Amino acid sequence: MKTPLTPEYVKKYSDSLEMVRLAPSSGNTQPWRVFFEDTTNEFHFFKKSISKRYELRRLHDIDIGIALCHFELTSLRNGLSGNWLKHAKENVDSIDDLQCIMTWKC
């Protein structure tokens, strides 16, 4: 699950991931991390707290919402079906200091 996401690896979702990369964020912190799990065909979106000040004001949550919106709208525009899932914490491997926010099931 810790494989870097390259356009060749994610193929048809490369535009969606590029739009996540370009999504605006508070102070340009980009507090999201995305991992693709090929065994379940899922993209897991994690939040990494970058700034305590932004986290206290919940700005990172807003940033994540914008990134998720960019991913979904681009995917749908490109004819890619999928839906959002909120997995229980024990169902998604934890990674360092990242908090799992949502999962896109392809």
Protein backbone atom coordinates (compact mmCIF):
# COMPACT_ATOMS: atom_id res chain seq x y z
CA MET A 1 0.00 0.00 0.00
CA LYS A 2 2.99 2.34 0.28
CA THR A 3 3.68 2.28 -3.47
CA PRO A 4 4.22 5.77 -4.91
CA LEU A 5 1.33 6.79 -7.14
CA THR A 6 2.67 7.30 -10.64
CA PRO A 7 0.46 7.97 -13.69
CA GLU A 8 1.40 4.55 -15.07
CA TYR A 9 0.39 2.83 -11.84
CA VAL A 10 -3.03 4.47 -11.46
CA LYS A 11 -3.67 4.77 -15.20
CA LYS A 12 -7.16 6.16 -15.73
CA TYR A 13 -7.17 8.05 -12.41
CA SER A 14 -4.06 10.10 -13.18
CA ASP A 15 -6.16 13.19 -14.11
CA SER A 16 -8.14 12.88 -10.87
CA LEU A 17 -4.95 12.69 -8.82
CA GLU A 18 -3.44 15.61 -10.70
CA MET A 19 -6.47 17.71 -9.74
CA VAL A 20 -5.96 16.70 -6.09
CA ARG A 21 -2.35 17.82 -6.38
CA LEU A 22 -3.46 21.17 -7.76
CA ALA A 23 -6.23 21.71 -5.18
CA PRO A 24 -5.80 24.85 -3.08
CA SER A 25 -5.08 24.55 0.62
CA SER A 26 -4.56 26.85 3.60
CA GLY A 27 -1.07 28.25 3.49
CA ASN A 28 -0.34 25.79 0.64
CA THR A 29 0.04 23.03 3.26
CA GLN A 30 -1.64 20.29 1.19
CA PRO A 31 -2.43 18.16 4.27
CA TRP A 32 -3.65 15.14 2.27
CA ARG A 33 -1.91 11.93 1.38
CA VAL A 34 -3.38 9.42 -1.07
CA PHE A 35 -2.63 5.71 -1.21
CA PHE A 36 -3.97 3.18 -3.69
CA GLU A 37 -4.70 -0.33 -2.50
CA ASP A 38 -4.75 -2.55 -5.58
CA THR A 39 -6.11 -5.62 -3.76
CA THR A 40 -9.39 -3.79 -3.00
CA ASN A 41 -9.21 -1.25 -5.84
CA GLU A 42 -9.50 1.67 -3.42
CA PHE A 43 -7.91 5.07 -3.01
CA HIS A 44 -7.44 5.96 0.67
CA PHE A 45 -7.29 9.66 1.52
CA PHE A 46 -5.42 10.52 4.72
CA LYS A 47 -4.95 13.78 6.58
CA LYS A 48 -1.54 14.80 7.85
CA SER A 49 -1.62 17.59 10.39
CA ILE A 50 0.89 20.12 9.07
CA SER A 51 0.12 23.14 11.22
CA LYS A 52 -1.32 23.06 14.75
CA ARG A 53 -2.78 26.52 14.19
CA TYR A 54 -4.58 25.40 11.01
CA GLU A 55 -5.68 22.16 12.67
CA LEU A 56 -7.22 24.03 15.62
CA ARG A 57 -9.21 26.18 13.20
CA ARG A 58 -10.18 23.03 11.21
CA LEU A 59 -8.66 24.48 8.05
CA HIS A 60 -7.06 21.12 7.21
CA ASP A 61 -10.55 19.55 7.18
CA ILE A 62 -11.73 22.15 4.68
CA ASP A 63 -8.62 21.53 2.58
CA ILE A 64 -9.29 17.78 2.53
CA GLY A 65 -12.90 18.42 1.47
CA ILE A 66 -11.70 20.53 -1.46
CA ALA A 67 -9.22 17.84 -2.52
CA LEU A 68 -11.90 15.11 -2.31
CA CYS A 69 -14.24 17.25 -4.41
CA HIS A 70 -11.54 17.74 -7.06
CA PHE A 71 -10.94 13.98 -7.18
CA GLU A 72 -14.63 13.08 -7.47
CA LEU A 73 -15.59 15.73 -10.03
CA THR A 74 -12.65 14.89 -12.28
CA SER A 75 -13.34 11.16 -12.00
CA LEU A 76 -17.01 11.62 -12.89
CA ARG A 77 -16.16 13.99 -15.74
CA ASN A 78 -13.89 11.28 -17.15
CA GLY A 79 -16.64 8.66 -16.90
CA LEU A 80 -15.07 6.79 -13.98
CA SER A 81 -17.57 5.32 -11.57
CA GLY A 82 -16.93 5.02 -7.87
CA ASN A 83 -18.27 5.96 -4.48
CA TRP A 84 -17.05 7.23 -1.15
CA LEU A 85 -16.72 4.92 1.83
CA LYS A 86 -15.95 5.72 5.44
CA HIS A 87 -14.09 2.67 6.72
CA ALA A 88 -13.81 1.89 10.39
CA LYS A 89 -10.31 2.79 11.58
CA GLU A 90 -9.42 -0.86 12.14
CA ASN A 91 -10.19 -1.69 8.48
CA VAL A 92 -7.55 0.63 7.03
CA ASP A 93 -3.88 0.20 7.88
CA SER A 94 -2.65 3.17 9.86
CA ILE A 95 0.38 4.91 8.46
CA ASP A 96 2.64 6.87 10.79
CA ASP A 97 0.84 10.02 11.95
CA LEU A 98 -1.85 10.03 9.24
CA GLN A 99 -5.58 9.97 9.89
CA CYS A 100 -7.76 8.11 7.35
CA ILE A 101 -10.53 10.43 6.19
CA MET A 102 -12.30 8.75 3.26
CA THR A 103 -11.91 5.97 0.72
CA TRP A 104 -12.89 6.03 -2.95
CA LYS A 105 -14.00 2.56 -4.07
CA CYS A 106 -13.42 2.19 -7.83
